[in-house]
Amino acid sequence: EYAESEKSKSRTEIDSLRMELDHVSQDKRKVLQQYAELFTECDQLKLKVGSMQRTIQTLEAEKEATENEKSQWLEEYMQAIENLSVEKFDLEQKLSKLEENTRMDPYRRAY
């Protein structure tokens, strides 16, 4: 009877350990599945980050090109203003000389 009791006790303990092992195996499968899902999600996020980095690089290059264009345009604009100022000054000098010559030569006024 004692041996039978020990056998039954051992079987119960073995059954209990088997159930625990089964639960651990199930938990392990769940964890592995979650790991696989997270790994896939991580790969997708890496692709997304790579795409975003390329977009940022493209936008930065466009920004730099636009800034260079703006600087060049501003330089050309300032040069044009300077040229017009010089031209205006020259024309004012010529006009002043013509007016002065006209005052000195009364016969030119008639023409």
PDB file of N, CA and C in Angstrom:
ATOM      1  N   GLU A   1       0.805  -1.188   0.000  1.00  0.00           N
ATOM      2  CA  GLU A   1       0.000   0.000   0.000  1.00  0.00           C
ATOM      3  C   GLU A   1       0.859   1.268   0.000  1.00  0.00           C
ATOM      4  N   TYR A   2       1.906   1.213   0.791  1.00  0.00           N
ATOM      5  CA  TYR A   2       2.812   2.365   0.841  1.00  0.00           C
ATOM      6  C   TYR A   2       3.452   2.603  -0.522  1.00  0.00           C
ATOM      7  N   ALA A   3       3.862   1.499  -1.152  1.00  0.00           N
ATOM      8  CA  ALA A   3       4.483   1.586  -2.475  1.00  0.00           C
ATOM      9  C   ALA A   3       3.475   2.123  -3.482  1.00  0.00           C
ATOM     10  N   GLU A   4       2.235   1.654  -3.371  1.00  0.00           N
ATOM     11  CA  GLU A   4       1.183   2.131  -4.269  1.00  0.00           C
ATOM     12  C   GLU A   4       0.947   3.617  -4.056  1.00  0.00           C
ATOM     13  N   SER A   5       0.964   4.057  -2.837  1.00  0.00           N
ATOM     14  CA  SER A   5       0.773   5.456  -2.487  1.00  0.00           C
ATOM     15  C   SER A   5       1.922   6.297  -3.043  1.00  0.00           C
ATOM     16  N   GLU A   6       3.130   5.783  -2.910  1.00  0.00           N
ATOM     17  CA  GLU A   6       4.312   6.490  -3.448  1.00  0.00           C
ATOM     18  C   GLU A   6       4.246   6.564  -4.969  1.00  0.00           C
ATOM     19  N   LYS A   7       3.779   5.473  -5.610  1.00  0.00           N
ATOM     20  CA  LYS A   7       3.635   5.430  -7.059  1.00  0.00           C
ATOM     21  C   LYS A   7       2.628   6.483  -7.511  1.00  0.00           C
ATOM     22  N   SER A   8       1.503   6.520  -6.809  1.00  0.00           N
ATOM     23  CA  SER A   8       0.447   7.476  -7.138  1.00  0.00           C
ATOM     24  C   SER A   8       0.945   8.906  -6.948  1.00  0.00           C
ATOM     25  N   LYS A   9       1.681   9.082  -5.879  1.00  0.00           N
ATOM     26  CA  LYS A   9       2.247  10.398  -5.582  1.00  0.00           C
ATOM     27  C   LYS A   9       3.225  10.795  -6.685  1.00  0.00           C
ATOM     28  N   SER A  10       4.053   9.860  -7.096  1.00  0.00           N
ATOM     29  CA  SER A  10       5.023  10.111  -8.165  1.00  0.00           C
ATOM     30  C   SER A  10       4.311  10.421  -9.476  1.00  0.00           C
ATOM     31  N   ARG A  11       3.263   9.653  -9.788  1.00  0.00           N
ATOM     32  CA  ARG A  11       2.506   9.905 -11.024  1.00  0.00           C
ATOM     33  C   ARG A  11       1.887  11.298 -10.997  1.00  0.00           C
ATOM     34  N   THR A  12       1.329  11.664  -9.857  1.00  0.00           N
ATOM     35  CA  THR A  12       0.719  12.986  -9.709  1.00  0.00           C
ATOM     36  C   THR A  12       1.786  14.062  -9.912  1.00  0.00           C
ATOM     37  N   GLU A  13       2.935  13.832  -9.324  1.00  0.00           N
ATOM     38  CA  GLU A  13       4.038  14.801  -9.455  1.00  0.00           C
ATOM     39  C   GLU A  13       4.525  14.863 -10.903  1.00  0.00           C
ATOM     40  N   ILE A  14       4.610  13.700 -11.549  1.00  0.00           N
ATOM     41  CA  ILE A  14       5.032  13.645 -12.963  1.00  0.00           C
ATOM     42  C   ILE A  14       4.001  14.350 -13.829  1.00  0.00           C
ATOM     43  N   ASP A  15       2.708  14.072 -13.586  1.00  0.00           N
ATOM     44  CA  ASP A  15       1.649  14.737 -14.342  1.00  0.00           C
ATOM     45  C   ASP A  15       1.715  16.254 -14.146  1.00  0.00           C
ATOM     46  N   SER A  16       1.928  16.642 -12.926  1.00  0.00           N
ATOM     47  CA  SER A  16       2.024  18.065 -12.599  1.00  0.00           C
ATOM     48  C   SER A  16       3.217  18.707 -13.331  1.00  0.00           C
ATOM     49  N   LEU A  17       4.360  18.006 -13.334  1.00  0.00           N
ATOM     50  CA  LEU A  17       5.544  18.507 -14.031  1.00  0.00           C
ATOM     51  C   LEU A  17       5.310  18.559 -15.541  1.00  0.00           C
ATOM     52  N   ARG A  18       4.607  17.552 -16.076  1.00  0.00           N
ATOM     53  CA  ARG A  18       4.289  17.545 -17.514  1.00  0.00           C
ATOM     54  C   ARG A  18       3.391  18.731 -17.878  1.00  0.00           C
ATOM     55  N   MET A  19       2.401  18.996 -17.041  1.00  0.00           N
ATOM     56  CA  MET A  19       1.511  20.125 -17.284  1.00  0.00           C
ATOM     57  C   MET A  19       2.302  21.441 -17.232  1.00  0.00           C
ATOM     58  N   GLU A  20       3.168  21.524 -16.229  1.00  0.00           N
ATOM     59  CA  GLU A  20       3.998  22.730 -16.099  1.00  0.00           C
ATOM     60  C   GLU A  20       4.905  22.885 -17.320  1.00  0.00           C
ATOM     61  N   LEU A  21       5.490  21.783 -17.771  1.00  0.00           N
ATOM     62  CA  LEU A  21       6.342  21.795 -18.958  1.00  0.00           C
ATOM     63  C   LEU A  21       5.534  22.201 -20.192  1.00  0.00           C
ATOM     64  N   ASP A  22       4.306  21.725 -20.288  1.00  0.00           N
ATOM     65  CA  ASP A  22       3.433  22.080 -21.401  1.00  0.00           C
ATOM     66  C   ASP A  22       3.138  23.582 -21.374  1.00  0.00           C
ATOM     67  N   HIS A  23       2.855  24.128 -20.200  1.00  0.00           N
ATOM     68  CA  HIS A  23       2.606  25.573 -20.065  1.00  0.00           C
ATOM     69  C   HIS A  23       3.855  26.375 -20.440  1.00  0.00           C
ATOM     70  N   VAL A  24       4.990  25.883 -19.987  1.00  0.00           N
ATOM     71  CA  VAL A  24       6.248  26.573 -20.328  1.00  0.00           C
ATOM     72  C   VAL A  24       6.472  26.543 -21.840  1.00  0.00           C
ATOM     73  N   SER A  25       6.197  25.398 -22.453  1.00  0.00           N
ATOM     74  CA  SER A  25       6.343  25.276 -23.906  1.00  0.00           C
ATOM     75  C   SER A  25       5.394  26.227 -24.631  1.00  0.00           C
ATOM     76  N   GLN A  26       4.157  26.306 -24.149  1.00  0.00           N
ATOM     77  CA  GLN A  26       3.195  27.234 -24.749  1.00  0.00           C
ATOM     78  C   GLN A  26       3.671  28.683 -24.591  1.00  0.00           C
ATOM     79  N   ASP A  27       4.139  29.000 -23.383  1.00  0.00           N
ATOM     80  CA  ASP A  27       4.656  30.355 -23.136  1.00  0.00           C
ATOM     81  C   ASP A  27       5.839  30.649 -24.045  1.00  0.00           C
ATOM     82  N   LYS A  28       6.696  29.630 -24.205  1.00  0.00           N
ATOM     83  CA  LYS A  28       7.868  29.802 -25.069  1.00  0.00           C
ATOM     84  C   LYS A  28       7.433  30.085 -26.508  1.00  0.00           C
ATOM     85  N   ARG A  29       6.423  29.341 -26.998  1.00  0.00           N
ATOM     86  CA  ARG A  29       5.914  29.567 -28.359  1.00  0.00           C
ATOM     87  C   ARG A  29       5.351  30.984 -28.494  1.00  0.00           C
ATOM     88  N   LYS A  30       4.611  31.418 -27.474  1.00  0.00           N
ATOM     89  CA  LYS A  30       4.043  32.771 -27.504  1.00  0.00           C
ATOM     90  C   LYS A  30       5.162  33.824 -27.554  1.00  0.00           C
ATOM     91  N   VAL A  31       6.170  33.625 -26.717  1.00  0.00           N
ATOM     92  CA  VAL A  31       7.287  34.570 -26.669  1.00  0.00           C
ATOM     93  C   VAL A  31       8.024  34.579 -28.010  1.00  0.00           C
ATOM     94  N   LEU A  32       8.248  33.398 -28.587  1.00  0.00           N
ATOM     95  CA  LEU A  32       8.921  33.323 -29.891  1.00  0.00           C
ATOM     96  C   LEU A  32       8.091  33.993 -30.978  1.00  0.00           C
ATOM     97  N   GLN A  33       6.775  33.818 -30.908  1.00  0.00           N
ATOM     98  CA  GLN A  33       5.891  34.468 -31.883  1.00  0.00           C
ATOM     99  C   GLN A  33       5.957  35.987 -31.710  1.00  0.00           C
ATOM    100  N   GLN A  34       5.902  36.444 -30.468  1.00  0.00           N
ATOM    101  CA  GLN A  34       6.001  37.889 -30.206  1.00  0.00           C
ATOM    102  C   GLN A  34       7.353  38.429 -30.675  1.00  0.00           C
ATOM    103  N   TYR A  35       8.406  37.646 -30.433  1.00  0.00           N
ATOM    104  CA  TYR A  35       9.744  38.049 -30.873  1.00  0.00           C
ATOM    105  C   TYR A  35       9.780  38.187 -32.397  1.00  0.00           C
ATOM    106  N   ALA A  36       9.186  37.217 -33.079  1.00  0.00           N
ATOM    107  CA  ALA A  36       9.166  37.258 -34.553  1.00  0.00           C
ATOM    108  C   ALA A  36       8.378  38.478 -35.026  1.00  0.00           C
ATOM    109  N   GLU A  37       7.254  38.767 -34.389  1.00  0.00           N
ATOM    110  CA  GLU A  37       6.454  39.935 -34.762  1.00  0.00           C
ATOM    111  C   GLU A  37       7.232  41.227 -34.521  1.00  0.00           C
ATOM    112  N   LEU A  38       7.893  41.288 -33.371  1.00  0.00           N
ATOM    113  CA  LEU A  38       8.691  42.489 -33.050  1.00  0.00           C
ATOM    114  C   LEU A  38       9.868  42.640 -34.011  1.00  0.00           C
ATOM    115  N   PHE A  39      10.481  41.526 -34.370  1.00  0.00           N
ATOM    116  CA  PHE A  39      11.598  41.553 -35.308  1.00  0.00           C
ATOM    117  C   PHE A  39      11.124  42.072 -36.666  1.00  0.00           C
ATOM    118  N   THR A  40       9.976  41.597 -37.124  1.00  0.00           N
ATOM    119  CA  THR A  40       9.395  42.055 -38.391  1.00  0.00           C
ATOM    120  C   THR A  40       9.070  43.544 -38.313  1.00  0.00           C
ATOM    121  N   GLU A  41       8.457  43.948 -37.207  1.00  0.00           N
ATOM    122  CA  GLU A  41       8.123  45.363 -37.013  1.00  0.00           C
ATOM    123  C   GLU A  41       9.387  46.217 -36.991  1.00  0.00           C
ATOM    124  N   CYS A  42      10.422  45.707 -36.349  1.00  0.00           N
ATOM    125  CA  CYS A  42      11.700  46.418 -36.296  1.00  0.00           C
ATOM    126  C   CYS A  42      12.277  46.596 -37.698  1.00  0.00           C
ATOM    127  N   ASP A  43      12.227  45.548 -38.505  1.00  0.00           N
ATOM    128  CA  ASP A  43      12.707  45.640 -39.893  1.00  0.00           C
ATOM    129  C   ASP A  43      11.920  46.677 -40.683  1.00  0.00           C
ATOM    130  N   GLN A  44      10.600  46.676 -40.489  1.00  0.00           N
ATOM    131  CA  GLN A  44       9.760  47.647 -41.188  1.00  0.00           C
ATOM    132  C   GLN A  44      10.105  49.071 -40.751  1.00  0.00           C
ATOM    133  N   LEU A  45      10.337  49.247 -39.448  1.00  0.00           N
ATOM    134  CA  LEU A  45      10.704  50.571 -38.936  1.00  0.00           C
ATOM    135  C   LEU A  45      12.066  51.020 -39.466  1.00  0.00           C
ATOM    136  N   LYS A  46      12.993  50.071 -39.591  1.00  0.00           N
ATOM    137  CA  LYS A  46      14.309  50.410 -40.154  1.00  0.00           C
ATOM    138  C   LYS A  46      14.161  50.889 -41.592  1.00  0.00           C
ATOM    139  N   LEU A  47      13.300  50.213 -42.362  1.00  0.00           N
ATOM    140  CA  LEU A  47      13.049  50.638 -43.746  1.00  0.00           C
ATOM    141  C   LEU A  47      12.431  52.031 -43.779  1.00  0.00           C
ATOM    142  N   LYS A  48      11.485  52.261 -42.870  1.00  0.00           N
ATOM    143  CA  LYS A  48      10.820  53.561 -42.799  1.00  0.00           C
ATOM    144  C   LYS A  48      11.829  54.653 -42.426  1.00  0.00           C
ATOM    145  N   VAL A  49      12.698  54.369 -41.464  1.00  0.00           N
ATOM    146  CA  VAL A  49      13.722  55.336 -41.048  1.00  0.00           C
ATOM    147  C   VAL A  49      14.661  55.627 -42.216  1.00  0.00           C
ATOM    148  N   GLY A  50      15.062  54.589 -42.937  1.00  0.00           N
ATOM    149  CA  GLY A  50      15.927  54.775 -44.104  1.00  0.00           C
ATOM    150  C   GLY A  50      15.265  55.665 -45.141  1.00  0.00           C
ATOM    151  N   SER A  51      13.992  55.422 -45.375  1.00  0.00           N
ATOM    152  CA  SER A  51      13.242  56.237 -46.336  1.00  0.00           C
ATOM    153  C   SER A  51      13.164  57.682 -45.863  1.00  0.00           C
ATOM    154  N   MET A  52      12.906  57.868 -44.582  1.00  0.00           N
ATOM    155  CA  MET A  52      12.824  59.221 -44.023  1.00  0.00           C
ATOM    156  C   MET A  52      14.174  59.932 -44.108  1.00  0.00           C
ATOM    157  N   GLN A  53      15.254  59.202 -43.859  1.00  0.00           N
ATOM    158  CA  GLN A  53      16.587  59.801 -43.956  1.00  0.00           C
ATOM    159  C   GLN A  53      16.878  60.248 -45.386  1.00  0.00           C
ATOM    160  N   ARG A  54      16.478  59.426 -46.362  1.00  0.00           N
ATOM    161  CA  ARG A  54      16.671  59.817 -47.767  1.00  0.00           C
ATOM    162  C   ARG A  54      15.841  61.051 -48.101  1.00  0.00           C
ATOM    163  N   THR A  55      14.611  61.096 -47.591  1.00  0.00           N
ATOM    164  CA  THR A  55      13.751  62.264 -47.814  1.00  0.00           C
ATOM    165  C   THR A  55      14.382  63.505 -47.202  1.00  0.00           C
ATOM    166  N   ILE A  56      14.910  63.368 -45.990  1.00  0.00           N
ATOM    167  CA  ILE A  56      15.562  64.502 -45.316  1.00  0.00           C
ATOM    168  C   ILE A  56      16.767  64.968 -46.122  1.00  0.00           C
ATOM    169  N   GLN A  57      17.577  64.036 -46.602  1.00  0.00           N
ATOM    170  CA  GLN A  57      18.748  64.401 -47.403  1.00  0.00           C
ATOM    171  C   GLN A  57      18.326  65.132 -48.673  1.00  0.00           C
ATOM    172  N   THR A  58      17.269  64.644 -49.316  1.00  0.00           N
ATOM    173  CA  THR A  58      16.770  65.289 -50.534  1.00  0.00           C
ATOM    174  C   THR A  58      16.292  66.707 -50.222  1.00  0.00           C
ATOM    175  N   LEU A  59      15.531  66.847 -49.137  1.00  0.00           N
ATOM    176  CA  LEU A  59      15.016  68.163 -48.764  1.00  0.00           C
ATOM    177  C   LEU A  59      16.142  69.124 -48.383  1.00  0.00           C
ATOM    178  N   GLU A  60      17.157  68.610 -47.690  1.00  0.00           N
ATOM    179  CA  GLU A  60      18.295  69.455 -47.330  1.00  0.00           C
ATOM    180  C   GLU A  60      19.046  69.912 -48.578  1.00  0.00           C
ATOM    181  N   ALA A  61      19.200  69.011 -49.546  1.00  0.00           N
ATOM    182  CA  ALA A  61      19.865  69.373 -50.803  1.00  0.00           C
ATOM    183  C   ALA A  61      19.045  70.428 -51.552  1.00  0.00           C
ATOM    184  N   GLU A  62      17.728  70.249 -51.578  1.00  0.00           N
ATOM    185  CA  GLU A  62      16.851  71.225 -52.234  1.00  0.00           C
ATOM    186  C   GLU A  62      16.929  72.573 -51.531  1.00  0.00           C
ATOM    187  N   LYS A  63      16.957  72.534 -50.202  1.00  0.00           N
ATOM    188  CA  LYS A  63      17.045  73.774 -49.416  1.00  0.00           C
ATOM    189  C   LYS A  63      18.350  74.498 -49.730  1.00  0.00           C
ATOM    190  N   GLU A  64      19.432  73.754 -49.773  1.00  0.00           N
ATOM    191  CA  GLU A  64      20.735  74.355 -50.070  1.00  0.00           C
ATOM    192  C   GLU A  64      20.743  74.952 -51.485  1.00  0.00           C
ATOM    193  N   ALA A  65      20.176  74.217 -52.435  1.00  0.00           N
ATOM    194  CA  ALA A  65      20.115  74.716 -53.815  1.00  0.00           C
ATOM    195  C   ALA A  65      19.279  75.995 -53.880  1.00  0.00           C
ATOM    196  N   THR A  66      18.166  76.012 -53.167  1.00  0.00           N
ATOM    197  CA  THR A  66      17.299  77.194 -53.137  1.00  0.00           C
ATOM    198  C   THR A  66      18.023  78.376 -52.501  1.00  0.00           C
ATOM    199  N   GLU A  67      18.752  78.114 -51.416  1.00  0.00           N
ATOM    200  CA  GLU A  67      19.502  79.187 -50.755  1.00  0.00           C
ATOM    201  C   GLU A  67      20.599  79.722 -51.670  1.00  0.00           C
ATOM    202  N   ASN A  68      21.263  78.827 -52.393  1.00  0.00           N
ATOM    203  CA  ASN A  68      22.292  79.267 -53.344  1.00  0.00           C
ATOM    204  C   ASN A  68      21.675  80.106 -54.458  1.00  0.00           C
ATOM    205  N   GLU A  69      20.526  79.651 -54.963  1.00  0.00           N
ATOM    206  CA  GLU A  69      19.812  80.392 -56.006  1.00  0.00           C
ATOM    207  C   GLU A  69      19.422  81.780 -55.507  1.00  0.00           C
ATOM    208  N   LYS A  70      18.912  81.817 -54.283  1.00  0.00           N
ATOM    209  CA  LYS A  70      18.490  83.085 -53.676  1.00  0.00           C
ATOM    210  C   LYS A  70      19.694  84.016 -53.523  1.00  0.00           C
ATOM    211  N   SER A  71      20.803  83.492 -53.050  1.00  0.00           N
ATOM    212  CA  SER A  71      22.013  84.301 -52.884  1.00  0.00           C
ATOM    213  C   SER A  71      22.496  84.832 -54.230  1.00  0.00           C
ATOM    214  N   GLN A  72      22.479  83.968 -55.233  1.00  0.00           N
ATOM    215  CA  GLN A  72      22.919  84.382 -56.570  1.00  0.00           C
ATOM    216  C   GLN A  72      21.986  85.461 -57.117  1.00  0.00           C
ATOM    217  N   TRP A  73      20.686  85.260 -56.954  1.00  0.00           N
ATOM    218  CA  TRP A  73      19.712  86.236 -57.438  1.00  0.00           C
ATOM    219  C   TRP A  73      19.923  87.571 -56.737  1.00  0.00           C
ATOM    220  N   LEU A  74      20.119  87.525 -55.409  1.00  0.00           N
ATOM    221  CA  LEU A  74      20.325  88.742 -54.633  1.00  0.00           C
ATOM    222  C   LEU A  74      21.592  89.461 -55.086  1.00  0.00           C
ATOM    223  N   GLU A  75      22.646  88.698 -55.337  1.00  0.00           N
ATOM    224  CA  GLU A  75      23.899  89.274 -55.833  1.00  0.00           C
ATOM    225  C   GLU A  75      23.673  89.980 -57.176  1.00  0.00           C
ATOM    226  N   GLU A  76      22.976  89.293 -58.078  1.00  0.00           N
ATOM    227  CA  GLU A  76      22.688  89.871 -59.399  1.00  0.00           C
ATOM    228  C   GLU A  76      21.812  91.107 -59.271  1.00  0.00           C
ATOM    229  N   TYR A  77      20.846  91.066 -58.374  1.00  0.00           N
ATOM    230  CA  TYR A  77      19.949  92.195 -58.146  1.00  0.00           C
ATOM    231  C   TYR A  77      20.739  93.400 -57.620  1.00  0.00           C
ATOM    232  N   MET A  78      21.591  93.156 -56.641  1.00  0.00           N
ATOM    233  CA  MET A  78      22.402  94.237 -56.068  1.00  0.00           C
ATOM    234  C   MET A  78      23.352  94.807 -57.128  1.00  0.00           C
ATOM    235  N   GLN A  79      23.910  93.938 -57.971  1.00  0.00           N
ATOM    236  CA  GLN A  79      24.802  94.394 -59.043  1.00  0.00           C
ATOM    237  C   GLN A  79      24.026  95.253 -60.039  1.00  0.00           C
ATOM    238  N   ALA A  80      22.805  94.834 -60.356  1.00  0.00           N
ATOM    239  CA  ALA A  80      21.973  95.601 -61.285  1.00  0.00           C
ATOM    240  C   ALA A  80      21.652  96.973 -60.699  1.00  0.00           C
ATOM    241  N   ILE A  81      21.343  97.023 -59.415  1.00  0.00           N
ATOM    242  CA  ILE A  81      21.070  98.312 -58.759  1.00  0.00           C
ATOM    243  C   ILE A  81      22.314  99.194 -58.805  1.00  0.00           C
ATOM    244  N   GLU A  82      23.462  98.600 -58.514  1.00  0.00           N
ATOM    245  CA  GLU A  82      24.715  99.364 -58.554  1.00  0.00           C
ATOM    246  C   GLU A  82      24.970  99.894 -59.968  1.00  0.00           C
ATOM    247  N   ASN A  83      24.781  99.038 -60.976  1.00  0.00           N
ATOM    248  CA  ASN A  83      24.978  99.463 -62.369  1.00  0.00           C
ATOM    249  C   ASN A  83      24.033 100.601 -62.735  1.00  0.00           C
ATOM    250  N   LEU A  84      22.764 100.481 -62.304  1.00  0.00           N
ATOM    251  CA  LEU A  84      21.794 101.536 -62.593  1.00  0.00           C
ATOM    252  C   LEU A  84      22.161 102.838 -61.879  1.00  0.00           C
ATOM    253  N   SER A  85      22.683 102.719 -60.666  1.00  0.00           N
ATOM    254  CA  SER A  85      23.099 103.916 -59.929  1.00  0.00           C
ATOM    255  C   SER A  85      24.249 104.616 -60.649  1.00  0.00           C
ATOM    256  N   VAL A  86      25.205 103.824 -61.114  1.00  0.00           N
ATOM    257  CA  VAL A  86      26.338 104.396 -61.853  1.00  0.00           C
ATOM    258  C   VAL A  86      25.830 105.035 -63.139  1.00  0.00           C
ATOM    259  N   GLU A  87      24.951 104.343 -63.840  1.00  0.00           N
ATOM    260  CA  GLU A  87      24.394 104.869 -65.089  1.00  0.00           C
ATOM    261  C   GLU A  87      23.620 106.159 -64.821  1.00  0.00           C
ATOM    262  N   LYS A  88      22.839 106.186 -63.752  1.00  0.00           N
ATOM    263  CA  LYS A  88      22.078 107.379 -63.388  1.00  0.00           C
ATOM    264  C   LYS A  88      23.030 108.533 -63.099  1.00  0.00           C
ATOM    265  N   PHE A  89      24.069 108.241 -62.336  1.00  0.00           N
ATOM    266  CA  PHE A  89      25.052 109.277 -62.011  1.00  0.00           C
ATOM    267  C   PHE A  89      25.682 109.831 -63.293  1.00  0.00           C
ATOM    268  N   ASP A  90      26.088 108.921 -64.195  1.00  0.00           N
ATOM    269  CA  ASP A  90      26.683 109.352 -65.474  1.00  0.00           C
ATOM    270  C   ASP A  90      25.708 110.214 -66.267  1.00  0.00           C
ATOM    271  N   LEU A  91      24.439 109.796 -66.330  1.00  0.00           N
ATOM    272  CA  LEU A  91      23.443 110.555 -67.073  1.00  0.00           C
ATOM    273  C   LEU A  91      23.198 111.926 -66.430  1.00  0.00           C
ATOM    274  N   GLU A  92      23.189 111.958 -65.100  1.00  0.00           N
ATOM    275  CA  GLU A  92      23.016 113.241 -64.416  1.00  0.00           C
ATOM    276  C   GLU A  92      24.196 114.170 -64.696  1.00  0.00           C
ATOM    277  N   GLN A  93      25.403 113.585 -64.760  1.00  0.00           N
ATOM    278  CA  GLN A  93      26.592 114.385 -65.074  1.00  0.00           C
ATOM    279  C   GLN A  93      26.488 114.948 -66.493  1.00  0.00           C
ATOM    280  N   LYS A  94      26.080 114.125 -67.450  1.00  0.00           N
ATOM    281  CA  LYS A  94      25.932 114.571 -68.837  1.00  0.00           C
ATOM    282  C   LYS A  94      24.866 115.655 -68.936  1.00  0.00           C
ATOM    283  N   LEU A  95      23.748 115.441 -68.251  1.00  0.00           N
ATOM    284  CA  LEU A  95      22.665 116.416 -68.263  1.00  0.00           C
ATOM    285  C   LEU A  95      23.128 117.738 -67.677  1.00  0.00           C
ATOM    286  N   SER A  96      23.858 117.644 -66.594  1.00  0.00           N
ATOM    287  CA  SER A  96      24.366 118.852 -65.954  1.00  0.00           C
ATOM    288  C   SER A  96      25.297 119.608 -66.894  1.00  0.00           C
ATOM    289  N   LYS A  97      26.163 118.886 -67.592  1.00  0.00           N
ATOM    290  CA  LYS A  97      27.085 119.521 -68.543  1.00  0.00           C
ATOM    291  C   LYS A  97      26.314 120.151 -69.701  1.00  0.00           C
ATOM    292  N   LEU A  98      25.287 119.428 -70.191  1.00  0.00           N
ATOM    293  CA  LEU A  98      24.474 119.965 -71.287  1.00  0.00           C
ATOM    294  C   LEU A  98      23.762 121.241 -70.856  1.00  0.00           C
ATOM    295  N   GLU A  99      23.218 121.216 -69.645  1.00  0.00           N
ATOM    296  CA  GLU A  99      22.534 122.408 -69.137  1.00  0.00           C
ATOM    297  C   GLU A  99      23.512 123.565 -68.978  1.00  0.00           C
ATOM    298  N   GLU A 100      24.691 123.226 -68.488  1.00  0.00           N
ATOM    299  CA  GLU A 100      25.720 124.248 -68.290  1.00  0.00           C
ATOM    300  C   GLU A 100      26.144 124.829 -69.640  1.00  0.00           C
ATOM    301  N   ASN A 101      26.360 123.973 -70.611  1.00  0.00           N
ATOM    302  CA  ASN A 101      26.748 124.421 -71.961  1.00  0.00           C
ATOM    303  C   ASN A 101      25.640 125.253 -72.599  1.00  0.00           C
ATOM    304  N   THR A 102      24.419 124.873 -72.371  1.00  0.00           N
ATOM    305  CA  THR A 102      23.284 125.601 -72.936  1.00  0.00           C
ATOM    306  C   THR A 102      23.209 127.004 -72.333  1.00  0.00           C
ATOM    307  N   ARG A 103      23.491 127.162 -71.050  1.00  0.00           N
ATOM    308  CA  ARG A 103      23.484 128.466 -70.411  1.00  0.00           C
ATOM    309  C   ARG A 103      24.607 129.340 -70.951  1.00  0.00           C
ATOM    310  N   MET A 104      25.725 128.733 -71.251  1.00  0.00           N
ATOM    311  CA  MET A 104      26.876 129.487 -71.734  1.00  0.00           C
ATOM    312  C   MET A 104      26.710 129.921 -73.189  1.00  0.00           C
ATOM    313  N   ASP A 105      26.031 129.112 -73.990  1.00  0.00           N
ATOM    314  CA  ASP A 105      25.891 129.385 -75.418  1.00  0.00           C
ATOM    315  C   ASP A 105      24.441 129.756 -75.722  1.00  0.00           C
ATOM    316  N   PRO A 106      24.149 131.062 -75.750  1.00  0.00           N
ATOM    317  CA  PRO A 106      22.773 131.470 -75.955  1.00  0.00           C
ATOM    318  C   PRO A 106      22.222 131.055 -77.307  1.00  0.00           C
ATOM    319  N   TYR A 107      23.060 130.865 -78.303  1.00  0.00           N
ATOM    320  CA  TYR A 107      22.554 130.471 -79.635  1.00  0.00           C
ATOM    321  C   TYR A 107      22.038 129.034 -79.649  1.00  0.00           C
ATOM    322  N   ARG A 108      22.552 128.223 -78.779  1.00  0.00           N
ATOM    323  CA  ARG A 108      22.080 126.835 -78.727  1.00  0.00           C
ATOM    324  C   ARG A 108      20.652 126.752 -78.224  1.00  0.00           C
ATOM    325  N   ARG A 109      20.273 127.718 -77.447  1.00  0.00           N
ATOM    326  CA  ARG A 109      18.914 127.716 -76.897  1.00  0.00           C
ATOM    327  C   ARG A 109      17.895 127.815 -77.998  1.00  0.00           C
ATOM    328  N   ALA A 110      18.223 128.540 -79.041  1.00  0.00           N
ATOM    329  CA  ALA A 110      17.286 128.733 -80.127  1.00  0.00           C
ATOM    330  C   ALA A 110      17.023 127.447 -80.878  1.00  0.00           C
ATOM    331  N   TYR A 111      17.928 126.571 -80.854  1.00  0.00           N
ATOM    332  CA  TYR A 111      17.740 125.335 -81.615  1.00  0.00           C
ATOM    333  C   TYR A 111      17.071 124.373 -80.760  1.00  0.00           C
TER     334      TYR A 111
END
